[in-house]
Amino acid sequence: FDQKAASANRQGFADLLAVGAMLAWSDARLKRDIRRVGTVRGLGVYVFRYVWGGPRRLGFMAQEVARVRPHAVRAFGGYLAVDYAAALGG
């Protein structure tokens, strides 16, 4: 994990926060190569890849968010998604 990629991920998370209300697949069962890289408002921030491939992403784990802010988690088709605006709003 190089510095350039880390910088791009930090910018990606900042962009995500700027978007406001956003629902994203955040279920740990849909992710691999998971590594915690920080904390935002008491929630772990992780770098990961989805099991179906693609680039590294940055975000929360729905199971963790559900323990702290259950109102910010939704279930779809048996998997969990996080409403980032609700999760970050408290």
PDB file of N, CA and C in Angstrom:
ATOM      1  N   PHE A   1       0.861  -1.178   0.000  1.00  0.00           N
ATOM      2  CA  PHE A   1       0.000   0.000   0.000  1.00  0.00           C
ATOM      3  C   PHE A   1       0.892   1.219   0.000  1.00  0.00           C
ATOM      4  N   ASP A   2       0.988   1.898  -1.115  1.00  0.00           N
ATOM      5  CA  ASP A   2       1.922   3.005  -1.212  1.00  0.00           C
ATOM      6  C   ASP A   2       1.296   4.336  -0.795  1.00  0.00           C
ATOM      7  N   GLN A   3       2.146   5.336  -0.628  1.00  0.00           N
ATOM      8  CA  GLN A   3       1.723   6.657  -0.157  1.00  0.00           C
ATOM      9  C   GLN A   3       0.755   7.330  -1.126  1.00  0.00           C
ATOM     10  N   LYS A   4       0.983   7.164  -2.413  1.00  0.00           N
ATOM     11  CA  LYS A   4       0.108   7.758  -3.422  1.00  0.00           C
ATOM     12  C   LYS A   4      -1.309   7.194  -3.307  1.00  0.00           C
ATOM     13  N   ALA A   5      -1.414   5.877  -3.135  1.00  0.00           N
ATOM     14  CA  ALA A   5      -2.718   5.234  -2.965  1.00  0.00           C
ATOM     15  C   ALA A   5      -3.383   5.688  -1.673  1.00  0.00           C
ATOM     16  N   ALA A   6      -2.599   5.824  -0.609  1.00  0.00           N
ATOM     17  CA  ALA A   6      -3.150   6.278   0.674  1.00  0.00           C
ATOM     18  C   ALA A   6      -3.711   7.686   0.543  1.00  0.00           C
ATOM     19  N   SER A   7      -3.006   8.551  -0.163  1.00  0.00           N
ATOM     20  CA  SER A   7      -3.478   9.915  -0.377  1.00  0.00           C
ATOM     21  C   SER A   7      -4.767   9.929  -1.193  1.00  0.00           C
ATOM     22  N   ALA A   8      -4.824   9.097  -2.213  1.00  0.00           N
ATOM     23  CA  ALA A   8      -6.025   9.020  -3.044  1.00  0.00           C
ATOM     24  C   ALA A   8      -7.203   8.516  -2.218  1.00  0.00           C
ATOM     25  N   ASN A   9      -6.974   7.552  -1.341  1.00  0.00           N
ATOM     26  CA  ASN A   9      -8.048   7.037  -0.494  1.00  0.00           C
ATOM     27  C   ASN A   9      -8.535   8.091   0.493  1.00  0.00           C
ATOM     28  N   ARG A  10      -7.616   8.857   1.065  1.00  0.00           N
ATOM     29  CA  ARG A  10      -8.026   9.942   1.987  1.00  0.00           C
ATOM     30  C   ARG A  10      -8.882  10.956   1.240  1.00  0.00           C
ATOM     31  N   GLN A  11      -8.487  11.304   0.016  1.00  0.00           N
ATOM     32  CA  GLN A  11      -9.269  12.244  -0.775  1.00  0.00           C
ATOM     33  C   GLN A  11     -10.623  11.640  -1.117  1.00  0.00           C
ATOM     34  N   GLY A  12     -10.645  10.357  -1.442  1.00  0.00           N
ATOM     35  CA  GLY A  12     -11.905   9.686  -1.752  1.00  0.00           C
ATOM     36  C   GLY A  12     -12.856   9.720  -0.572  1.00  0.00           C
ATOM     37  N   PHE A  13     -12.345   9.520   0.646  1.00  0.00           N
ATOM     38  CA  PHE A  13     -13.203   9.565   1.829  1.00  0.00           C
ATOM     39  C   PHE A  13     -13.696  10.988   2.065  1.00  0.00           C
ATOM     40  N   ALA A  14     -12.839  11.984   1.852  1.00  0.00           N
ATOM     41  CA  ALA A  14     -13.259  13.377   1.988  1.00  0.00           C
ATOM     42  C   ALA A  14     -14.359  13.699   0.981  1.00  0.00           C
ATOM     43  N   ASP A  15     -14.217  13.206  -0.252  1.00  0.00           N
ATOM     44  CA  ASP A  15     -15.246  13.413  -1.264  1.00  0.00           C
ATOM     45  C   ASP A  15     -16.555  12.748  -0.847  1.00  0.00           C
ATOM     46  N   LEU A  16     -16.444  11.557  -0.271  1.00  0.00           N
ATOM     47  CA  LEU A  16     -17.620  10.826   0.185  1.00  0.00           C
ATOM     48  C   LEU A  16     -18.351  11.622   1.264  1.00  0.00           C
ATOM     49  N   LEU A  17     -17.609  12.200   2.185  1.00  0.00           N
ATOM     50  CA  LEU A  17     -18.229  12.996   3.241  1.00  0.00           C
ATOM     51  C   LEU A  17     -18.929  14.220   2.668  1.00  0.00           C
ATOM     52  N   ALA A  18     -18.364  14.797   1.617  1.00  0.00           N
ATOM     53  CA  ALA A  18     -18.936  15.991   1.012  1.00  0.00           C
ATOM     54  C   ALA A  18     -20.239  15.704   0.277  1.00  0.00           C
ATOM     55  N   VAL A  19     -20.431  14.471  -0.159  1.00  0.00           N
ATOM     56  CA  VAL A  19     -21.620  14.106  -0.915  1.00  0.00           C
ATOM     57  C   VAL A  19     -22.871  14.188  -0.053  1.00  0.00           C
ATOM     58  N   GLY A  20     -22.745  13.915   1.225  1.00  0.00           N
ATOM     59  CA  GLY A  20     -23.911  13.927   2.117  1.00  0.00           C
ATOM     60  C   GLY A  20     -24.543  12.561   2.175  1.00  0.00           C
ATOM     61  N   ALA A  21     -25.867  12.510   2.056  1.00  0.00           N
ATOM     62  CA  ALA A  21     -26.585  11.230   2.193  1.00  0.00           C
ATOM     63  C   ALA A  21     -26.131  10.261   1.118  1.00  0.00           C
ATOM     64  N   MET A  22     -25.621   9.143   1.556  1.00  0.00           N
ATOM     65  CA  MET A  22     -25.169   8.130   0.607  1.00  0.00           C
ATOM     66  C   MET A  22     -25.295   6.775   1.259  1.00  0.00           C
ATOM     67  N   LEU A  23     -25.906   5.866   0.560  1.00  0.00           N
ATOM     68  CA  LEU A  23     -26.043   4.497   1.025  1.00  0.00           C
ATOM     69  C   LEU A  23     -25.009   3.665   0.286  1.00  0.00           C
ATOM     70  N   ALA A  24     -24.192   2.921   1.031  1.00  0.00           N
ATOM     71  CA  ALA A  24     -23.136   2.133   0.391  1.00  0.00           C
ATOM     72  C   ALA A  24     -23.086   0.736   0.993  1.00  0.00           C
ATOM     73  N   TRP A  25     -22.813  -0.261   0.130  1.00  0.00           N
ATOM     74  CA  TRP A  25     -22.630  -1.616   0.630  1.00  0.00           C
ATOM     75  C   TRP A  25     -21.470  -1.592   1.596  1.00  0.00           C
ATOM     76  N   SER A  26     -21.737  -1.994   2.823  1.00  0.00           N
ATOM     77  CA  SER A  26     -20.710  -1.929   3.855  1.00  0.00           C
ATOM     78  C   SER A  26     -20.608  -3.204   4.661  1.00  0.00           C
ATOM     79  N   ASP A  27     -21.295  -4.246   4.239  1.00  0.00           N
ATOM     80  CA  ASP A  27     -21.290  -5.522   4.942  1.00  0.00           C
ATOM     81  C   ASP A  27     -19.906  -6.160   4.839  1.00  0.00           C
ATOM     82  N   ALA A  28     -19.347  -6.541   5.968  1.00  0.00           N
ATOM     83  CA  ALA A  28     -18.013  -7.153   5.985  1.00  0.00           C
ATOM     84  C   ALA A  28     -17.960  -8.426   5.151  1.00  0.00           C
ATOM     85  N   ARG A  29     -19.094  -9.112   4.985  1.00  0.00           N
ATOM     86  CA  ARG A  29     -19.127 -10.346   4.192  1.00  0.00           C
ATOM     87  C   ARG A  29     -18.916 -10.085   2.710  1.00  0.00           C
ATOM     88  N   LEU A  30     -19.030  -8.825   2.283  1.00  0.00           N
ATOM     89  CA  LEU A  30     -18.842  -8.459   0.884  1.00  0.00           C
ATOM     90  C   LEU A  30     -17.447  -7.900   0.610  1.00  0.00           C
ATOM     91  N   LYS A  31     -16.579  -7.953   1.638  1.00  0.00           N
ATOM     92  CA  LYS A  31     -15.261  -7.323   1.528  1.00  0.00           C
ATOM     93  C   LYS A  31     -14.153  -8.323   1.811  1.00  0.00           C
ATOM     94  N   ARG A  32     -12.976  -8.036   1.265  1.00  0.00           N
ATOM     95  CA  ARG A  32     -11.778  -8.843   1.525  1.00  0.00           C
ATOM     96  C   ARG A  32     -10.592  -7.892   1.639  1.00  0.00           C
ATOM     97  N   ASP A  33      -9.471  -8.415   2.040  1.00  0.00           N
ATOM     98  CA  ASP A  33      -8.248  -7.605   2.210  1.00  0.00           C
ATOM     99  C   ASP A  33      -8.549  -6.372   3.078  1.00  0.00           C
ATOM    100  N   ILE A  34      -9.232  -6.594   4.170  1.00  0.00           N
ATOM    101  CA  ILE A  34      -9.689  -5.509   5.048  1.00  0.00           C
ATOM    102  C   ILE A  34      -8.571  -5.093   6.000  1.00  0.00           C
ATOM    103  N   ARG A  35      -8.348  -3.770   6.082  1.00  0.00           N
ATOM    104  CA  ARG A  35      -7.349  -3.239   7.017  1.00  0.00           C
ATOM    105  C   ARG A  35      -7.846  -1.922   7.596  1.00  0.00           C
ATOM    106  N   ARG A  36      -7.858  -1.821   8.915  1.00  0.00           N
ATOM    107  CA  ARG A  36      -8.279  -0.580   9.568  1.00  0.00           C
ATOM    108  C   ARG A  36      -7.190   0.464   9.398  1.00  0.00           C
ATOM    109  N   VAL A  37      -7.616   1.675   8.991  1.00  0.00           N
ATOM    110  CA  VAL A  37      -6.648   2.746   8.753  1.00  0.00           C
ATOM    111  C   VAL A  37      -6.923   3.993   9.586  1.00  0.00           C
ATOM    112  N   GLY A  38      -8.022   3.998  10.344  1.00  0.00           N
ATOM    113  CA  GLY A  38      -8.305   5.174  11.158  1.00  0.00           C
ATOM    114  C   GLY A  38      -9.659   5.100  11.813  1.00  0.00           C
ATOM    115  N   THR A  39     -10.054   6.234  12.365  1.00  0.00           N
ATOM    116  CA  THR A  39     -11.330   6.360  13.061  1.00  0.00           C
ATOM    117  C   THR A  39     -11.939   7.717  12.725  1.00  0.00           C
ATOM    118  N   VAL A  40     -13.240   7.728  12.485  1.00  0.00           N
ATOM    119  CA  VAL A  40     -13.981   8.967  12.255  1.00  0.00           C
ATOM    120  C   VAL A  40     -15.224   8.922  13.130  1.00  0.00           C
ATOM    121  N   ARG A  41     -15.355   9.886  14.013  1.00  0.00           N
ATOM    122  CA  ARG A  41     -16.509   9.970  14.914  1.00  0.00           C
ATOM    123  C   ARG A  41     -16.803   8.654  15.622  1.00  0.00           C
ATOM    124  N   GLY A  42     -15.758   8.004  16.077  1.00  0.00           N
ATOM    125  CA  GLY A  42     -15.891   6.780  16.836  1.00  0.00           C
ATOM    126  C   GLY A  42     -16.099   5.520  16.015  1.00  0.00           C
ATOM    127  N   LEU A  43     -16.091   5.634  14.704  1.00  0.00           N
ATOM    128  CA  LEU A  43     -16.275   4.482  13.819  1.00  0.00           C
ATOM    129  C   LEU A  43     -14.967   4.161  13.110  1.00  0.00           C
ATOM    130  N   GLY A  44     -14.648   2.872  13.033  1.00  0.00           N
ATOM    131  CA  GLY A  44     -13.446   2.463  12.316  1.00  0.00           C
ATOM    132  C   GLY A  44     -13.569   2.736  10.828  1.00  0.00           C
ATOM    133  N   VAL A  45     -12.480   3.182  10.247  1.00  0.00           N
ATOM    134  CA  VAL A  45     -12.394   3.414   8.804  1.00  0.00           C
ATOM    135  C   VAL A  45     -11.445   2.354   8.246  1.00  0.00           C
ATOM    136  N   TYR A  46     -11.878   1.706   7.185  1.00  0.00           N
ATOM    137  CA  TYR A  46     -11.150   0.561   6.645  1.00  0.00           C
ATOM    138  C   TYR A  46     -10.858   0.727   5.161  1.00  0.00           C
ATOM    139  N   VAL A  47      -9.727   0.179   4.754  1.00  0.00           N
ATOM    140  CA  VAL A  47      -9.394   0.014   3.340  1.00  0.00           C
ATOM    141  C   VAL A  47      -9.722  -1.437   3.017  1.00  0.00           C
ATOM    142  N   PHE A  48     -10.328  -1.673   1.856  1.00  0.00           N
ATOM    143  CA  PHE A  48     -10.757  -3.025   1.500  1.00  0.00           C
ATOM    144  C   PHE A  48     -10.974  -3.120   0.003  1.00  0.00           C
ATOM    145  N   ARG A  49     -11.229  -4.330  -0.441  1.00  0.00           N
ATOM    146  CA  ARG A  49     -11.705  -4.591  -1.800  1.00  0.00           C
ATOM    147  C   ARG A  49     -13.005  -5.369  -1.676  1.00  0.00           C
ATOM    148  N   TYR A  50     -13.915  -5.135  -2.597  1.00  0.00           N
ATOM    149  CA  TYR A  50     -15.120  -5.953  -2.620  1.00  0.00           C
ATOM    150  C   TYR A  50     -14.763  -7.344  -3.129  1.00  0.00           C
ATOM    151  N   VAL A  51     -15.519  -8.344  -2.723  1.00  0.00           N
ATOM    152  CA  VAL A  51     -15.225  -9.726  -3.120  1.00  0.00           C
ATOM    153  C   VAL A  51     -15.307  -9.915  -4.629  1.00  0.00           C
ATOM    154  N   TRP A  52     -16.049  -9.065  -5.322  1.00  0.00           N
ATOM    155  CA  TRP A  52     -16.172  -9.190  -6.784  1.00  0.00           C
ATOM    156  C   TRP A  52     -15.053  -8.473  -7.513  1.00  0.00           C
ATOM    157  N   GLY A  53     -14.121  -7.886  -6.779  1.00  0.00           N
ATOM    158  CA  GLY A  53     -12.952  -7.255  -7.400  1.00  0.00           C
ATOM    159  C   GLY A  53     -13.044  -5.752  -7.437  1.00  0.00           C
ATOM    160  N   GLY A  54     -12.166  -5.174  -8.205  1.00  0.00           N
ATOM    161  CA  GLY A  54     -12.120  -3.731  -8.328  1.00  0.00           C
ATOM    162  C   GLY A  54     -11.030  -3.118  -7.468  1.00  0.00           C
ATOM    163  N   PRO A  55     -10.968  -1.787  -7.476  1.00  0.00           N
ATOM    164  CA  PRO A  55      -9.906  -1.079  -6.747  1.00  0.00           C
ATOM    165  C   PRO A  55     -10.135  -1.121  -5.230  1.00  0.00           C
ATOM    166  N   ARG A  56      -9.123  -0.721  -4.501  1.00  0.00           N
ATOM    167  CA  ARG A  56      -9.273  -0.560  -3.058  1.00  0.00           C
ATOM    168  C   ARG A  56     -10.282   0.547  -2.804  1.00  0.00           C
ATOM    169  N   ARG A  57     -11.025   0.376  -1.745  1.00  0.00           N
ATOM    170  CA  ARG A  57     -12.035   1.358  -1.337  1.00  0.00           C
ATOM    171  C   ARG A  57     -11.790   1.736   0.110  1.00  0.00           C
ATOM    172  N   LEU A  58     -12.459   2.763   0.547  1.00  0.00           N
ATOM    173  CA  LEU A  58     -12.345   3.256   1.908  1.00  0.00           C
ATOM    174  C   LEU A  58     -13.741   3.400   2.478  1.00  0.00           C
ATOM    175  N   GLY A  59     -13.976   2.883   3.674  1.00  0.00           N
ATOM    176  CA  GLY A  59     -15.296   3.030   4.265  1.00  0.00           C
ATOM    177  C   GLY A  59     -15.441   2.340   5.600  1.00  0.00           C
ATOM    178  N   PHE A  60     -16.684   2.228   6.046  1.00  0.00           N
ATOM    179  CA  PHE A  60     -17.023   1.615   7.323  1.00  0.00           C
ATOM    180  C   PHE A  60     -17.399   0.151   7.136  1.00  0.00           C
ATOM    181  N   MET A  61     -17.489  -0.571   8.256  1.00  0.00           N
ATOM    182  CA  MET A  61     -18.032  -1.921   8.290  1.00  0.00           C
ATOM    183  C   MET A  61     -19.430  -1.826   8.898  1.00  0.00           C
ATOM    184  N   ALA A  62     -20.416  -2.286   8.172  1.00  0.00           N
ATOM    185  CA  ALA A  62     -21.808  -2.160   8.606  1.00  0.00           C
ATOM    186  C   ALA A  62     -22.050  -2.812   9.965  1.00  0.00           C
ATOM    187  N   GLN A  63     -21.430  -3.948  10.215  1.00  0.00           N
ATOM    188  CA  GLN A  63     -21.646  -4.635  11.482  1.00  0.00           C
ATOM    189  C   GLN A  63     -21.177  -3.767  12.654  1.00  0.00           C
ATOM    190  N   GLU A  64     -20.090  -3.042  12.469  1.00  0.00           N
ATOM    191  CA  GLU A  64     -19.586  -2.145  13.508  1.00  0.00           C
ATOM    192  C   GLU A  64     -20.513  -0.941  13.673  1.00  0.00           C
ATOM    193  N   VAL A  65     -20.933  -0.366  12.563  1.00  0.00           N
ATOM    194  CA  VAL A  65     -21.841   0.784  12.621  1.00  0.00           C
ATOM    195  C   VAL A  65     -23.149   0.391  13.304  1.00  0.00           C
ATOM    196  N   ALA A  66     -23.647  -0.808  13.025  1.00  0.00           N
ATOM    197  CA  ALA A  66     -24.907  -1.273  13.610  1.00  0.00           C
ATOM    198  C   ALA A  66     -24.851  -1.328  15.130  1.00  0.00           C
ATOM    199  N   ARG A  67     -23.696  -1.629  15.689  1.00  0.00           N
ATOM    200  CA  ARG A  67     -23.564  -1.680  17.151  1.00  0.00           C
ATOM    201  C   ARG A  67     -23.614  -0.295  17.780  1.00  0.00           C
ATOM    202  N   VAL A  68     -23.111   0.710  17.069  1.00  0.00           N
ATOM    203  CA  VAL A  68     -22.990   2.060  17.625  1.00  0.00           C
ATOM    204  C   VAL A  68     -24.130   2.972  17.174  1.00  0.00           C
ATOM    205  N   ARG A  69     -24.519   2.864  15.899  1.00  0.00           N
ATOM    206  CA  ARG A  69     -25.555   3.717  15.312  1.00  0.00           C
ATOM    207  C   ARG A  69     -26.499   2.878  14.449  1.00  0.00           C
ATOM    208  N   PRO A  70     -27.321   2.048  15.075  1.00  0.00           N
ATOM    209  CA  PRO A  70     -28.176   1.129  14.308  1.00  0.00           C
ATOM    210  C   PRO A  70     -29.110   1.822  13.328  1.00  0.00           C
ATOM    211  N   HIS A  71     -29.484   3.069  13.607  1.00  0.00           N
ATOM    212  CA  HIS A  71     -30.367   3.805  12.697  1.00  0.00           C
ATOM    213  C   HIS A  71     -29.715   4.089  11.342  1.00  0.00           C
ATOM    214  N   ALA A  72     -28.390   3.917  11.251  1.00  0.00           N
ATOM    215  CA  ALA A  72     -27.662   4.230  10.022  1.00  0.00           C
ATOM    216  C   ALA A  72     -27.440   3.002   9.130  1.00  0.00           C
ATOM    217  N   VAL A  73     -27.989   1.855   9.526  1.00  0.00           N
ATOM    218  CA  VAL A  73     -27.765   0.619   8.773  1.00  0.00           C
ATOM    219  C   VAL A  73     -29.079   0.097   8.212  1.00  0.00           C
ATOM    220  N   ARG A  74     -29.037  -0.322   6.952  1.00  0.00           N
ATOM    221  CA  ARG A  74     -30.214  -0.896   6.273  1.00  0.00           C
ATOM    222  C   ARG A  74     -29.841  -2.267   5.721  1.00  0.00           C
ATOM    223  N   ALA A  75     -30.795  -3.160   5.655  1.00  0.00           N
ATOM    224  CA  ALA A  75     -30.563  -4.494   5.083  1.00  0.00           C
ATOM    225  C   ALA A  75     -31.237  -4.582   3.718  1.00  0.00           C
ATOM    226  N   PHE A  76     -30.519  -5.144   2.753  1.00  0.00           N
ATOM    227  CA  PHE A  76     -31.021  -5.372   1.404  1.00  0.00           C
ATOM    228  C   PHE A  76     -30.551  -6.739   0.952  1.00  0.00           C
ATOM    229  N   GLY A  77     -31.472  -7.613   0.638  1.00  0.00           N
ATOM    230  CA  GLY A  77     -31.112  -8.933   0.136  1.00  0.00           C
ATOM    231  C   GLY A  77     -30.224  -9.724   1.076  1.00  0.00           C
ATOM    232  N   GLY A  78     -30.372  -9.503   2.373  1.00  0.00           N
ATOM    233  CA  GLY A  78     -29.579 -10.233   3.353  1.00  0.00           C
ATOM    234  C   GLY A  78     -28.227  -9.618   3.653  1.00  0.00           C
ATOM    235  N   TYR A  79     -27.887  -8.519   2.996  1.00  0.00           N
ATOM    236  CA  TYR A  79     -26.616  -7.830   3.241  1.00  0.00           C
ATOM    237  C   TYR A  79     -26.895  -6.437   3.783  1.00  0.00           C
ATOM    238  N   LEU A  80     -25.890  -5.879   4.461  1.00  0.00           N
ATOM    239  CA  LEU A  80     -26.054  -4.586   5.122  1.00  0.00           C
ATOM    240  C   LEU A  80     -25.402  -3.454   4.338  1.00  0.00           C
ATOM    241  N   ALA A  81     -26.061  -2.309   4.379  1.00  0.00           N
ATOM    242  CA  ALA A  81     -25.534  -1.085   3.782  1.00  0.00           C
ATOM    243  C   ALA A  81     -25.572   0.001   4.845  1.00  0.00           C
ATOM    244  N   VAL A  82     -24.692   0.971   4.713  1.00  0.00           N
ATOM    245  CA  VAL A  82     -24.629   2.088   5.656  1.00  0.00           C
ATOM    246  C   VAL A  82     -25.059   3.372   4.974  1.00  0.00           C
ATOM    247  N   ASP A  83     -25.905   4.108   5.650  1.00  0.00           N
ATOM    248  CA  ASP A  83     -26.252   5.471   5.258  1.00  0.00           C
ATOM    249  C   ASP A  83     -25.181   6.350   5.894  1.00  0.00           C
ATOM    250  N   TYR A  84     -24.214   6.775   5.098  1.00  0.00           N
ATOM    251  CA  TYR A  84     -23.070   7.504   5.618  1.00  0.00           C
ATOM    252  C   TYR A  84     -23.475   8.817   6.287  1.00  0.00           C
ATOM    253  N   ALA A  85     -24.452   9.501   5.770  1.00  0.00           N
ATOM    254  CA  ALA A  85     -24.892  10.759   6.385  1.00  0.00           C
ATOM    255  C   ALA A  85     -25.415  10.501   7.792  1.00  0.00           C
ATOM    256  N   ALA A  86     -26.203   9.447   7.967  1.00  0.00           N
ATOM    257  CA  ALA A  86     -26.734   9.102   9.297  1.00  0.00           C
ATOM    258  C   ALA A  86     -25.620   8.617  10.223  1.00  0.00           C
ATOM    259  N   ALA A  87     -24.704   7.837   9.692  1.00  0.00           N
ATOM    260  CA  ALA A  87     -23.611   7.313  10.503  1.00  0.00           C
ATOM    261  C   ALA A  87     -22.712   8.432  11.018  1.00  0.00           C
ATOM    262  N   LEU A  88     -22.454   9.399  10.178  1.00  0.00           N
ATOM    263  CA  LEU A  88     -21.562  10.489  10.578  1.00  0.00           C
ATOM    264  C   LEU A  88     -22.272  11.578  11.355  1.00  0.00           C
ATOM    265  N   GLY A  89     -23.590  11.615  11.249  1.00  0.00           N
ATOM    266  CA  GLY A  89     -24.353  12.618  11.974  1.00  0.00           C
ATOM    267  C   GLY A  89     -24.571  12.270  13.434  1.00  0.00           C
ATOM    268  N   GLY A  90     -24.277  11.044  13.816  1.00  0.00           N
ATOM    269  CA  GLY A  90     -24.424  10.652  15.212  1.00  0.00           C
ATOM    270  C   GLY A  90     -25.584   9.814  15.390  1.00  0.00           C
TER     271      GLY A  90
END
